[in-house]
Amino acid sequence: MCSFQLTSSGDPAIPITDLDFHNDGSASSEDYHWLLDEYNWKASAAGYFMDLEAEITSAHISGFGAMPNCHMRLKNIAESMNVYDTANVTRGDPGIGAFTAYHNRTTIALKHIAAGQ
């Protein structure tokens, strides 16, 4: 793969909102365990407006975009921000709970990646 080449299609970002409130506790007090806690991103790093979704918001980015969260020393990609697009889905629509407005977080290779690396 050549330098500055798109590495994958865009990933969605899913807002995680007011986790402590919805679990009647505090993650810092270890009242509950959230498995994905170590893999969430700051909302401001995921996309515009996500930090305004609720009082406390983080972002879960799946797919290729989750890798830099685990291997920072091996980072060889640059990421874009998610694109905010509601696709005209409103809070009154039946599918709103299965929808995220944050799409297309793309990554590009910063250096050449040889086959098998």
PDB file of N, CA and C in Angstrom:
ATOM      1  N   MET A   1       0.848  -1.169   0.000  1.00  0.00           N
ATOM      2  CA  MET A   1       0.000   0.000   0.000  1.00  0.00           C
ATOM      3  C   MET A   1       0.894   1.232   0.000  1.00  0.00           C
ATOM      4  N   CYS A   2       0.619   2.167  -0.845  1.00  0.00           N
ATOM      5  CA  CYS A   2       1.421   3.375  -0.984  1.00  0.00           C
ATOM      6  C   CYS A   2       1.120   4.374   0.126  1.00  0.00           C
ATOM      7  N   SER A   3       2.064   5.280   0.324  1.00  0.00           N
ATOM      8  CA  SER A   3       1.844   6.351   1.296  1.00  0.00           C
ATOM      9  C   SER A   3       0.656   7.204   0.884  1.00  0.00           C
ATOM     10  N   PHE A   4      -0.046   7.699   1.849  1.00  0.00           N
ATOM     11  CA  PHE A   4      -1.196   8.585   1.667  1.00  0.00           C
ATOM     12  C   PHE A   4      -2.305   7.958   0.830  1.00  0.00           C
ATOM     13  N   GLN A   5      -2.446   6.659   0.934  1.00  0.00           N
ATOM     14  CA  GLN A   5      -3.525   5.934   0.270  1.00  0.00           C
ATOM     15  C   GLN A   5      -4.606   5.613   1.299  1.00  0.00           C
ATOM     16  N   LEU A   6      -5.850   5.705   0.887  1.00  0.00           N
ATOM     17  CA  LEU A   6      -6.975   5.371   1.751  1.00  0.00           C
ATOM     18  C   LEU A   6      -6.874   3.905   2.162  1.00  0.00           C
ATOM     19  N   THR A   7      -6.950   3.618   3.462  1.00  0.00           N
ATOM     20  CA  THR A   7      -6.757   2.244   3.943  1.00  0.00           C
ATOM     21  C   THR A   7      -8.048   1.457   4.071  1.00  0.00           C
ATOM     22  N   SER A   8      -9.160   2.132   4.225  1.00  0.00           N
ATOM     23  CA  SER A   8     -10.425   1.411   4.378  1.00  0.00           C
ATOM     24  C   SER A   8     -11.584   2.358   4.080  1.00  0.00           C
ATOM     25  N   SER A   9     -12.763   1.778   3.989  1.00  0.00           N
ATOM     26  CA  SER A   9     -13.943   2.629   3.849  1.00  0.00           C
ATOM     27  C   SER A   9     -14.206   3.288   5.196  1.00  0.00           C
ATOM     28  N   GLY A  10     -15.038   4.276   5.229  1.00  0.00           N
ATOM     29  CA  GLY A  10     -15.275   5.033   6.450  1.00  0.00           C
ATOM     30  C   GLY A  10     -15.992   4.245   7.533  1.00  0.00           C
ATOM     31  N   ASP A  11     -15.589   4.468   8.777  1.00  0.00           N
ATOM     32  CA  ASP A  11     -16.195   3.808   9.930  1.00  0.00           C
ATOM     33  C   ASP A  11     -17.225   4.724  10.581  1.00  0.00           C
ATOM     34  N   PRO A  12     -18.258   4.145  11.172  1.00  0.00           N
ATOM     35  CA  PRO A  12     -19.197   4.957  11.946  1.00  0.00           C
ATOM     36  C   PRO A  12     -18.666   5.179  13.360  1.00  0.00           C
ATOM     37  N   ALA A  13     -19.189   6.170  14.035  1.00  0.00           N
ATOM     38  CA  ALA A  13     -18.909   6.396  15.452  1.00  0.00           C
ATOM     39  C   ALA A  13     -20.242   6.391  16.193  1.00  0.00           C
ATOM     40  N   ILE A  14     -20.290   5.700  17.301  1.00  0.00           N
ATOM     41  CA  ILE A  14     -21.527   5.566  18.065  1.00  0.00           C
ATOM     42  C   ILE A  14     -21.382   6.340  19.369  1.00  0.00           C
ATOM     43  N   PRO A  15     -22.229   7.349  19.614  1.00  0.00           N
ATOM     44  CA  PRO A  15     -22.141   8.094  20.877  1.00  0.00           C
ATOM     45  C   PRO A  15     -22.560   7.218  22.060  1.00  0.00           C
ATOM     46  N   ILE A  16     -21.762   7.252  23.122  1.00  0.00           N
ATOM     47  CA  ILE A  16     -22.100   6.592  24.389  1.00  0.00           C
ATOM     48  C   ILE A  16     -22.426   7.730  25.351  1.00  0.00           C
ATOM     49  N   THR A  17     -23.685   7.833  25.757  1.00  0.00           N
ATOM     50  CA  THR A  17     -24.130   9.012  26.503  1.00  0.00           C
ATOM     51  C   THR A  17     -24.516   8.690  27.942  1.00  0.00           C
ATOM     52  N   ASP A  18     -24.079   9.552  28.850  1.00  0.00           N
ATOM     53  CA  ASP A  18     -24.446   9.513  30.272  1.00  0.00           C
ATOM     54  C   ASP A  18     -24.441   8.101  30.845  1.00  0.00           C
ATOM     55  N   LEU A  19     -23.339   7.407  30.693  1.00  0.00           N
ATOM     56  CA  LEU A  19     -23.223   6.012  31.114  1.00  0.00           C
ATOM     57  C   LEU A  19     -23.450   5.847  32.620  1.00  0.00           C
ATOM     58  N   ASP A  20     -22.862   6.719  33.434  1.00  0.00           N
ATOM     59  CA  ASP A  20     -23.062   6.626  34.887  1.00  0.00           C
ATOM     60  C   ASP A  20     -24.534   6.788  35.257  1.00  0.00           C
ATOM     61  N   PHE A  21     -25.192   7.770  34.663  1.00  0.00           N
ATOM     62  CA  PHE A  21     -26.600   8.032  34.956  1.00  0.00           C
ATOM     63  C   PHE A  21     -27.469   6.821  34.633  1.00  0.00           C
ATOM     64  N   HIS A  22     -27.242   6.211  33.492  1.00  0.00           N
ATOM     65  CA  HIS A  22     -28.074   5.088  33.063  1.00  0.00           C
ATOM     66  C   HIS A  22     -27.777   3.792  33.811  1.00  0.00           C
ATOM     67  N   ASN A  23     -26.695   3.754  34.578  1.00  0.00           N
ATOM     68  CA  ASN A  23     -26.342   2.565  35.351  1.00  0.00           C
ATOM     69  C   ASN A  23     -26.441   2.785  36.859  1.00  0.00           C
ATOM     70  N   ASP A  24     -27.046   3.899  37.264  1.00  0.00           N
ATOM     71  CA  ASP A  24     -27.223   4.216  38.688  1.00  0.00           C
ATOM     72  C   ASP A  24     -25.934   4.078  39.484  1.00  0.00           C
ATOM     73  N   GLY A  25     -24.855   4.604  38.956  1.00  0.00           N
ATOM     74  CA  GLY A  25     -23.595   4.478  39.682  1.00  0.00           C
ATOM     75  C   GLY A  25     -22.526   5.365  39.109  1.00  0.00           C
ATOM     76  N   SER A  26     -21.297   4.972  39.388  1.00  0.00           N
ATOM     77  CA  SER A  26     -20.145   5.715  38.919  1.00  0.00           C
ATOM     78  C   SER A  26     -19.067   4.729  38.498  1.00  0.00           C
ATOM     79  N   ALA A  27     -18.565   4.889  37.288  1.00  0.00           N
ATOM     80  CA  ALA A  27     -17.514   3.996  36.794  1.00  0.00           C
ATOM     81  C   ALA A  27     -16.256   4.137  37.646  1.00  0.00           C
ATOM     82  N   SER A  28     -15.981   5.339  38.160  1.00  0.00           N
ATOM     83  CA  SER A  28     -14.793   5.533  38.986  1.00  0.00           C
ATOM     84  C   SER A  28     -14.922   4.845  40.339  1.00  0.00           C
ATOM     85  N   SER A  29     -16.145   4.636  40.799  1.00  0.00           N
ATOM     86  CA  SER A  29     -16.372   3.909  42.047  1.00  0.00           C
ATOM     87  C   SER A  29     -16.510   2.413  41.815  1.00  0.00           C
ATOM     88  N   GLU A  30     -16.412   2.017  40.557  1.00  0.00           N
ATOM     89  CA  GLU A  30     -16.534   0.617  40.155  1.00  0.00           C
ATOM     90  C   GLU A  30     -17.880   0.014  40.565  1.00  0.00           C
ATOM     91  N   ASP A  31     -18.952   0.824  40.437  1.00  0.00           N
ATOM     92  CA  ASP A  31     -20.305   0.331  40.698  1.00  0.00           C
ATOM     93  C   ASP A  31     -20.773  -0.614  39.598  1.00  0.00           C
ATOM     94  N   TYR A  32     -20.172  -0.493  38.432  1.00  0.00           N
ATOM     95  CA  TYR A  32     -20.513  -1.343  37.299  1.00  0.00           C
ATOM     96  C   TYR A  32     -19.280  -1.467  36.420  1.00  0.00           C
ATOM     97  N   HIS A  33     -19.282  -2.434  35.521  1.00  0.00           N
ATOM     98  CA  HIS A  33     -18.158  -2.640  34.604  1.00  0.00           C
ATOM     99  C   HIS A  33     -18.642  -2.476  33.174  1.00  0.00           C
ATOM    100  N   TRP A  34     -18.021  -1.588  32.436  1.00  0.00           N
ATOM    101  CA  TRP A  34     -18.347  -1.358  31.030  1.00  0.00           C
ATOM    102  C   TRP A  34     -17.182  -1.889  30.213  1.00  0.00           C
ATOM    103  N   LEU A  35     -17.386  -3.010  29.538  1.00  0.00           N
ATOM    104  CA  LEU A  35     -16.323  -3.704  28.822  1.00  0.00           C
ATOM    105  C   LEU A  35     -15.602  -2.817  27.814  1.00  0.00           C
ATOM    106  N   LEU A  36     -16.319  -1.954  27.134  1.00  0.00           N
ATOM    107  CA  LEU A  36     -15.715  -1.131  26.087  1.00  0.00           C
ATOM    108  C   LEU A  36     -15.052   0.142  26.611  1.00  0.00           C
ATOM    109  N   ASP A  37     -15.018   0.333  27.930  1.00  0.00           N
ATOM    110  CA  ASP A  37     -14.504   1.570  28.510  1.00  0.00           C
ATOM    111  C   ASP A  37     -13.072   1.878  28.070  1.00  0.00           C
ATOM    112  N   GLU A  38     -12.237   0.860  27.941  1.00  0.00           N
ATOM    113  CA  GLU A  38     -10.849   1.078  27.542  1.00  0.00           C
ATOM    114  C   GLU A  38     -10.703   1.394  26.051  1.00  0.00           C
ATOM    115  N   TYR A  39     -11.773   1.228  25.292  1.00  0.00           N
ATOM    116  CA  TYR A  39     -11.698   1.405  23.849  1.00  0.00           C
ATOM    117  C   TYR A  39     -12.532   2.588  23.354  1.00  0.00           C
ATOM    118  N   ASN A  40     -13.129   3.335  24.244  1.00  0.00           N
ATOM    119  CA  ASN A  40     -13.895   4.513  23.851  1.00  0.00           C
ATOM    120  C   ASN A  40     -12.957   5.680  23.599  1.00  0.00           C
ATOM    121  N   TRP A  41     -13.379   6.570  22.747  1.00  0.00           N
ATOM    122  CA  TRP A  41     -12.642   7.783  22.411  1.00  0.00           C
ATOM    123  C   TRP A  41     -13.341   8.978  23.050  1.00  0.00           C
ATOM    124  N   LYS A  42     -12.599  10.083  23.192  1.00  0.00           N
ATOM    125  CA  LYS A  42     -13.245  11.322  23.615  1.00  0.00           C
ATOM    126  C   LYS A  42     -14.198  11.746  22.506  1.00  0.00           C
ATOM    127  N   ALA A  43     -15.353  12.236  22.879  1.00  0.00           N
ATOM    128  CA  ALA A  43     -16.366  12.622  21.889  1.00  0.00           C
ATOM    129  C   ALA A  43     -15.844  13.690  20.938  1.00  0.00           C
ATOM    130  N   SER A  44     -15.053  14.617  21.442  1.00  0.00           N
ATOM    131  CA  SER A  44     -14.542  15.696  20.588  1.00  0.00           C
ATOM    132  C   SER A  44     -13.575  15.172  19.527  1.00  0.00           C
ATOM    133  N   ALA A  45     -12.976  14.002  19.744  1.00  0.00           N
ATOM    134  CA  ALA A  45     -12.062  13.412  18.761  1.00  0.00           C
ATOM    135  C   ALA A  45     -12.812  12.668  17.667  1.00  0.00           C
ATOM    136  N   ALA A  46     -14.062  12.364  17.901  1.00  0.00           N
ATOM    137  CA  ALA A  46     -14.833  11.564  16.948  1.00  0.00           C
ATOM    138  C   ALA A  46     -15.533  12.412  15.893  1.00  0.00           C
ATOM    139  N   GLY A  47     -16.076  13.519  16.293  1.00  0.00           N
ATOM    140  CA  GLY A  47     -16.790  14.323  15.314  1.00  0.00           C
ATOM    141  C   GLY A  47     -17.382  15.571  15.932  1.00  0.00           C
ATOM    142  N   TYR A  48     -17.689  16.502  15.083  1.00  0.00           N
ATOM    143  CA  TYR A  48     -18.295  17.748  15.529  1.00  0.00           C
ATOM    144  C   TYR A  48     -19.662  17.453  16.127  1.00  0.00           C
ATOM    145  N   PHE A  49     -20.022  18.140  17.162  1.00  0.00           N
ATOM    146  CA  PHE A  49     -21.324  18.080  17.827  1.00  0.00           C
ATOM    147  C   PHE A  49     -21.485  16.879  18.762  1.00  0.00           C
ATOM    148  N   MET A  50     -20.636  15.839  18.670  1.00  0.00           N
ATOM    149  CA  MET A  50     -20.869  14.660  19.498  1.00  0.00           C
ATOM    150  C   MET A  50     -20.770  14.983  20.987  1.00  0.00           C
ATOM    151  N   ASP A  51     -19.879  15.870  21.377  1.00  0.00           N
ATOM    152  CA  ASP A  51     -19.756  16.214  22.793  1.00  0.00           C
ATOM    153  C   ASP A  51     -20.962  16.998  23.304  1.00  0.00           C
ATOM    154  N   LEU A  52     -21.860  17.394  22.415  1.00  0.00           N
ATOM    155  CA  LEU A  52     -23.082  18.095  22.809  1.00  0.00           C
ATOM    156  C   LEU A  52     -24.290  17.158  22.903  1.00  0.00           C
ATOM    157  N   GLU A  53     -24.103  15.871  22.627  1.00  0.00           N
ATOM    158  CA  GLU A  53     -25.202  14.900  22.641  1.00  0.00           C
ATOM    159  C   GLU A  53     -25.825  14.741  24.026  1.00  0.00           C
ATOM    160  N   ALA A  54     -25.018  14.844  25.080  1.00  0.00           N
ATOM    161  CA  ALA A  54     -25.492  14.641  26.449  1.00  0.00           C
ATOM    162  C   ALA A  54     -24.508  15.305  27.402  1.00  0.00           C
ATOM    163  N   GLU A  55     -24.770  15.191  28.697  1.00  0.00           N
ATOM    164  CA  GLU A  55     -23.888  15.807  29.685  1.00  0.00           C
ATOM    165  C   GLU A  55     -22.488  15.190  29.642  1.00  0.00           C
ATOM    166  N   ILE A  56     -22.406  13.854  29.583  1.00  0.00           N
ATOM    167  CA  ILE A  56     -21.133  13.153  29.477  1.00  0.00           C
ATOM    168  C   ILE A  56     -21.227  12.213  28.273  1.00  0.00           C
ATOM    169  N   THR A  57     -20.374  12.425  27.283  1.00  0.00           N
ATOM    170  CA  THR A  57     -20.431  11.641  26.060  1.00  0.00           C
ATOM    171  C   THR A  57     -19.043  11.143  25.685  1.00  0.00           C
ATOM    172  N   SER A  58     -18.967   9.898  25.280  1.00  0.00           N
ATOM    173  CA  SER A  58     -17.758   9.351  24.677  1.00  0.00           C
ATOM    174  C   SER A  58     -18.170   8.709  23.362  1.00  0.00           C
ATOM    175  N   ALA A  59     -17.202   8.225  22.594  1.00  0.00           N
ATOM    176  CA  ALA A  59     -17.505   7.661  21.286  1.00  0.00           C
ATOM    177  C   ALA A  59     -16.929   6.263  21.163  1.00  0.00           C
ATOM    178  N   HIS A  60     -17.707   5.374  20.589  1.00  0.00           N
ATOM    179  CA  HIS A  60     -17.202   4.046  20.247  1.00  0.00           C
ATOM    180  C   HIS A  60     -17.025   4.011  18.734  1.00  0.00           C
ATOM    181  N   ILE A  61     -15.786   3.794  18.304  1.00  0.00           N
ATOM    182  CA  ILE A  61     -15.482   3.728  16.880  1.00  0.00           C
ATOM    183  C   ILE A  61     -15.045   2.307  16.588  1.00  0.00           C
ATOM    184  N   SER A  62     -15.822   1.635  15.784  1.00  0.00           N
ATOM    185  CA  SER A  62     -15.513   0.236  15.481  1.00  0.00           C
ATOM    186  C   SER A  62     -14.728   0.147  14.182  1.00  0.00           C
ATOM    187  N   GLY A  63     -14.425  -1.052  13.761  1.00  0.00           N
ATOM    188  CA  GLY A  63     -13.739  -1.255  12.492  1.00  0.00           C
ATOM    189  C   GLY A  63     -12.279  -0.861  12.557  1.00  0.00           C
ATOM    190  N   PHE A  64     -11.730  -0.464  11.436  1.00  0.00           N
ATOM    191  CA  PHE A  64     -10.316  -0.127  11.329  1.00  0.00           C
ATOM    192  C   PHE A  64      -9.949   1.049  12.237  1.00  0.00           C
ATOM    193  N   GLY A  65     -10.887   1.935  12.456  1.00  0.00           N
ATOM    194  CA  GLY A  65     -10.632   3.106  13.294  1.00  0.00           C
ATOM    195  C   GLY A  65     -10.367   2.785  14.748  1.00  0.00           C
ATOM    196  N   ALA A  66     -10.677   1.575  15.197  1.00  0.00           N
ATOM    197  CA  ALA A  66     -10.425   1.190  16.592  1.00  0.00           C
ATOM    198  C   ALA A  66      -8.966   0.817  16.823  1.00  0.00           C
ATOM    199  N   MET A  67      -8.234   0.473  15.794  1.00  0.00           N
ATOM    200  CA  MET A  67      -6.860   0.005  15.965  1.00  0.00           C
ATOM    201  C   MET A  67      -5.906   1.018  16.585  1.00  0.00           C
ATOM    202  N   PRO A  68      -5.901   2.285  16.185  1.00  0.00           N
ATOM    203  CA  PRO A  68      -4.954   3.223  16.787  1.00  0.00           C
ATOM    204  C   PRO A  68      -5.185   3.408  18.282  1.00  0.00           C
ATOM    205  N   ASN A  69      -6.352   3.102  18.763  1.00  0.00           N
ATOM    206  CA  ASN A  69      -6.641   3.220  20.179  1.00  0.00           C
ATOM    207  C   ASN A  69      -5.842   2.199  20.991  1.00  0.00           C
ATOM    208  N   CYS A  70      -5.354   1.161  20.348  1.00  0.00           N
ATOM    209  CA  CYS A  70      -4.646   0.090  21.038  1.00  0.00           C
ATOM    210  C   CYS A  70      -3.142   0.082  20.771  1.00  0.00           C
ATOM    211  N   HIS A  71      -2.685   0.575  19.641  1.00  0.00           N
ATOM    212  CA  HIS A  71      -1.293   0.445  19.236  1.00  0.00           C
ATOM    213  C   HIS A  71      -0.713   1.804  18.843  1.00  0.00           C
ATOM    214  N   MET A  72      -0.653   2.735  19.766  1.00  0.00           N
ATOM    215  CA  MET A  72      -0.226   4.094  19.445  1.00  0.00           C
ATOM    216  C   MET A  72       1.230   4.156  18.961  1.00  0.00           C
ATOM    217  N   ARG A  73       2.117   3.314  19.478  1.00  0.00           N
ATOM    218  CA  ARG A  73       3.522   3.356  19.051  1.00  0.00           C
ATOM    219  C   ARG A  73       3.685   2.877  17.619  1.00  0.00           C
ATOM    220  N   LEU A  74       2.748   2.068  17.160  1.00  0.00           N
ATOM    221  CA  LEU A  74       2.828   1.539  15.803  1.00  0.00           C
ATOM    222  C   LEU A  74       1.996   2.365  14.822  1.00  0.00           C
ATOM    223  N   LYS A  75       1.542   3.486  15.251  1.00  0.00           N
ATOM    224  CA  LYS A  75       0.625   4.282  14.433  1.00  0.00           C
ATOM    225  C   LYS A  75       1.275   4.690  13.117  1.00  0.00           C
ATOM    226  N   ASN A  76       0.627   4.305  12.032  1.00  0.00           N
ATOM    227  CA  ASN A  76       1.082   4.634  10.697  1.00  0.00           C
ATOM    228  C   ASN A  76      -0.088   5.152   9.866  1.00  0.00           C
ATOM    229  N   ILE A  77      -1.088   5.693  10.531  1.00  0.00           N
ATOM    230  CA  ILE A  77      -2.248   6.193   9.806  1.00  0.00           C
ATOM    231  C   ILE A  77      -2.647   7.561  10.336  1.00  0.00           C
ATOM    232  N   ALA A  78      -3.324   8.297   9.502  1.00  0.00           N
ATOM    233  CA  ALA A  78      -3.944   9.564   9.904  1.00  0.00           C
ATOM    234  C   ALA A  78      -5.445   9.383   9.724  1.00  0.00           C
ATOM    235  N   GLU A  79      -6.196   9.927  10.636  1.00  0.00           N
ATOM    236  CA  GLU A  79      -7.645   9.752  10.597  1.00  0.00           C
ATOM    237  C   GLU A  79      -8.351  11.074  10.376  1.00  0.00           C
ATOM    238  N   SER A  80      -9.510  10.983   9.768  1.00  0.00           N
ATOM    239  CA  SER A  80     -10.351  12.156   9.593  1.00  0.00           C
ATOM    240  C   SER A  80     -11.385  12.188  10.721  1.00  0.00           C
ATOM    241  N   MET A  81     -12.106  13.267  10.798  1.00  0.00           N
ATOM    242  CA  MET A  81     -13.236  13.348  11.721  1.00  0.00           C
ATOM    243  C   MET A  81     -14.431  12.672  11.063  1.00  0.00           C
ATOM    244  N   ASN A  82     -15.362  12.209  11.882  1.00  0.00           N
ATOM    245  CA  ASN A  82     -16.592  11.659  11.322  1.00  0.00           C
ATOM    246  C   ASN A  82     -17.411  12.782  10.701  1.00  0.00           C
ATOM    247  N   VAL A  83     -18.125  12.447   9.663  1.00  0.00           N
ATOM    248  CA  VAL A  83     -19.047  13.381   9.020  1.00  0.00           C
ATOM    249  C   VAL A  83     -20.375  13.291   9.758  1.00  0.00           C
ATOM    250  N   TYR A  84     -20.945  14.437  10.107  1.00  0.00           N
ATOM    251  CA  TYR A  84     -22.237  14.467  10.790  1.00  0.00           C
ATOM    252  C   TYR A  84     -23.334  14.584   9.747  1.00  0.00           C
ATOM    253  N   ASP A  85     -24.185  13.564   9.674  1.00  0.00           N
ATOM    254  CA  ASP A  85     -25.277  13.563   8.701  1.00  0.00           C
ATOM    255  C   ASP A  85     -26.440  12.759   9.273  1.00  0.00           C
ATOM    256  N   THR A  86     -27.544  13.412   9.543  1.00  0.00           N
ATOM    257  CA  THR A  86     -28.700  12.727  10.119  1.00  0.00           C
ATOM    258  C   THR A  86     -29.530  11.987   9.080  1.00  0.00           C
ATOM    259  N   ALA A  87     -29.264  12.207   7.802  1.00  0.00           N
ATOM    260  CA  ALA A  87     -30.011  11.562   6.710  1.00  0.00           C
ATOM    261  C   ALA A  87     -31.519  11.760   6.868  1.00  0.00           C
ATOM    262  N   ASN A  88     -31.898  12.882   7.439  1.00  0.00           N
ATOM    263  CA  ASN A  88     -33.301  13.234   7.685  1.00  0.00           C
ATOM    264  C   ASN A  88     -34.030  12.260   8.609  1.00  0.00           C
ATOM    265  N   VAL A  89     -33.289  11.490   9.403  1.00  0.00           N
ATOM    266  CA  VAL A  89     -33.904  10.634  10.423  1.00  0.00           C
ATOM    267  C   VAL A  89     -34.143  11.519  11.643  1.00  0.00           C
ATOM    268  N   THR A  90     -35.359  11.546  12.138  1.00  0.00           N
ATOM    269  CA  THR A  90     -35.691  12.378  13.292  1.00  0.00           C
ATOM    270  C   THR A  90     -35.928  11.510  14.522  1.00  0.00           C
ATOM    271  N   ARG A  91     -35.996  12.135  15.670  1.00  0.00           N
ATOM    272  CA  ARG A  91     -36.217  11.393  16.918  1.00  0.00           C
ATOM    273  C   ARG A  91     -37.564  10.681  16.948  1.00  0.00           C
ATOM    274  N   GLY A  92     -38.485  11.065  16.093  1.00  0.00           N
ATOM    275  CA  GLY A  92     -39.795  10.421  16.030  1.00  0.00           C
ATOM    276  C   GLY A  92     -39.828   9.191  15.121  1.00  0.00           C
ATOM    277  N   ASP A  93     -38.753   8.951  14.375  1.00  0.00           N
ATOM    278  CA  ASP A  93     -38.710   7.802  13.464  1.00  0.00           C
ATOM    279  C   ASP A  93     -38.465   6.505  14.235  1.00  0.00           C
ATOM    280  N   PRO A  94     -39.088   5.396  13.820  1.00  0.00           N
ATOM    281  CA  PRO A  94     -38.948   4.131  14.544  1.00  0.00           C
ATOM    282  C   PRO A  94     -37.514   3.591  14.590  1.00  0.00           C
ATOM    283  N   GLY A  95     -36.678   3.896  13.618  1.00  0.00           N
ATOM    284  CA  GLY A  95     -35.330   3.355  13.582  1.00  0.00           C
ATOM    285  C   GLY A  95     -34.279   4.198  14.271  1.00  0.00           C
ATOM    286  N   ILE A  96     -34.676   5.234  14.996  1.00  0.00           N
ATOM    287  CA  ILE A  96     -33.697   6.159  15.571  1.00  0.00           C
ATOM    288  C   ILE A  96     -32.742   5.480  16.553  1.00  0.00           C
ATOM    289  N   GLY A  97     -33.188   4.458  17.255  1.00  0.00           N
ATOM    290  CA  GLY A  97     -32.316   3.774  18.222  1.00  0.00           C
ATOM    291  C   GLY A  97     -31.241   2.929  17.579  1.00  0.00           C
ATOM    292  N   ALA A  98     -31.373   2.639  16.305  1.00  0.00           N
ATOM    293  CA  ALA A  98     -30.387   1.825  15.593  1.00  0.00           C
ATOM    294  C   ALA A  98     -29.596   2.675  14.605  1.00  0.00           C
ATOM    295  N   PHE A  99     -29.520   3.967  14.841  1.00  0.00           N
ATOM    296  CA  PHE A  99     -28.937   4.896  13.881  1.00  0.00           C
ATOM    297  C   PHE A  99     -27.902   5.777  14.555  1.00  0.00           C
ATOM    298  N   THR A 100     -26.821   6.066  13.871  1.00  0.00           N
ATOM    299  CA  THR A 100     -25.866   7.066  14.321  1.00  0.00           C
ATOM    300  C   THR A 100     -25.688   8.101  13.211  1.00  0.00           C
ATOM    301  N   ALA A 101     -25.582   9.344  13.594  1.00  0.00           N
ATOM    302  CA  ALA A 101     -25.417  10.427  12.618  1.00  0.00           C
ATOM    303  C   ALA A 101     -23.951  10.670  12.281  1.00  0.00           C
ATOM    304  N   TYR A 102     -23.048   9.911  12.885  1.00  0.00           N
ATOM    305  CA  TYR A 102     -21.614  10.115  12.703  1.00  0.00           C
ATOM    306  C   TYR A 102     -21.052   9.012  11.813  1.00  0.00           C
ATOM    307  N   HIS A 103     -20.689   9.369  10.583  1.00  0.00           N
ATOM    308  CA  HIS A 103     -20.289   8.398   9.558  1.00  0.00           C
ATOM    309  C   HIS A 103     -18.951   8.767   8.930  1.00  0.00           C
ATOM    310  N   ASN A 104     -18.409   7.812   8.197  1.00  0.00           N
ATOM    311  CA  ASN A 104     -17.315   8.018   7.259  1.00  0.00           C
ATOM    312  C   ASN A 104     -16.021   8.533   7.881  1.00  0.00           C
ATOM    313  N   ARG A 105     -15.588   7.923   8.995  1.00  0.00           N
ATOM    314  CA  ARG A 105     -14.274   8.245   9.559  1.00  0.00           C
ATOM    315  C   ARG A 105     -13.240   7.458   8.748  1.00  0.00           C
ATOM    316  N   THR A 106     -12.497   8.149   7.915  1.00  0.00           N
ATOM    317  CA  THR A 106     -11.552   7.483   7.020  1.00  0.00           C
ATOM    318  C   THR A 106     -10.138   7.520   7.586  1.00  0.00           C
ATOM    319  N   THR A 107      -9.323   6.596   7.121  1.00  0.00           N
ATOM    320  CA  THR A 107      -7.919   6.527   7.524  1.00  0.00           C
ATOM    321  C   THR A 107      -7.048   6.430   6.276  1.00  0.00           C
ATOM    322  N   ILE A 108      -5.871   7.064   6.339  1.00  0.00           N
ATOM    323  CA  ILE A 108      -4.911   6.961   5.242  1.00  0.00           C
ATOM    324  C   ILE A 108      -3.558   6.539   5.816  1.00  0.00           C
ATOM    325  N   ALA A 109      -2.810   5.767   5.033  1.00  0.00           N
ATOM    326  CA  ALA A 109      -1.468   5.320   5.431  1.00  0.00           C
ATOM    327  C   ALA A 109      -0.504   6.490   5.346  1.00  0.00           C
ATOM    328  N   LEU A 110       0.341   6.680   6.380  1.00  0.00           N
ATOM    329  CA  LEU A 110       1.336   7.748   6.360  1.00  0.00           C
ATOM    330  C   LEU A 110       2.631   7.305   5.690  1.00  0.00           C
ATOM    331  N   LYS A 111       2.941   6.019   5.809  1.00  0.00           N
ATOM    332  CA  LYS A 111       4.144   5.445   5.186  1.00  0.00           C
ATOM    333  C   LYS A 111       3.749   4.233   4.370  1.00  0.00           C
ATOM    334  N   HIS A 112       4.635   3.820   3.494  1.00  0.00           N
ATOM    335  CA  HIS A 112       4.396   2.642   2.672  1.00  0.00           C
ATOM    336  C   HIS A 112       4.207   1.411   3.566  1.00  0.00           C
ATOM    337  N   ILE A 113       3.235   0.576   3.237  1.00  0.00           N
ATOM    338  CA  ILE A 113       2.989  -0.667   3.961  1.00  0.00           C
ATOM    339  C   ILE A 113       3.185  -1.815   2.976  1.00  0.00           C
ATOM    340  N   ALA A 114       4.220  -2.597   3.222  1.00  0.00           N
ATOM    341  CA  ALA A 114       4.519  -3.724   2.337  1.00  0.00           C
ATOM    342  C   ALA A 114       3.534  -4.862   2.609  1.00  0.00           C
ATOM    343  N   ALA A 115       3.339  -5.735   1.622  1.00  0.00           N
ATOM    344  CA  ALA A 115       2.449  -6.883   1.779  1.00  0.00           C
ATOM    345  C   ALA A 115       2.921  -7.728   2.970  1.00  0.00           C
ATOM    346  N   GLY A 116       1.991  -8.112   3.823  1.00  0.00           N
ATOM    347  CA  GLY A 116       2.299  -8.937   4.991  1.00  0.00           C
ATOM    348  C   GLY A 116       2.663  -8.156   6.237  1.00  0.00           C
ATOM    349  N   GLN A 117       2.797  -6.848   6.157  1.00  0.00           N
ATOM    350  CA  GLN A 117       3.119  -6.051   7.337  1.00  0.00           C
ATOM    351  C   GLN A 117       1.903  -5.780   8.153  1.00  0.00           C
TER     352      GLN A 117
END
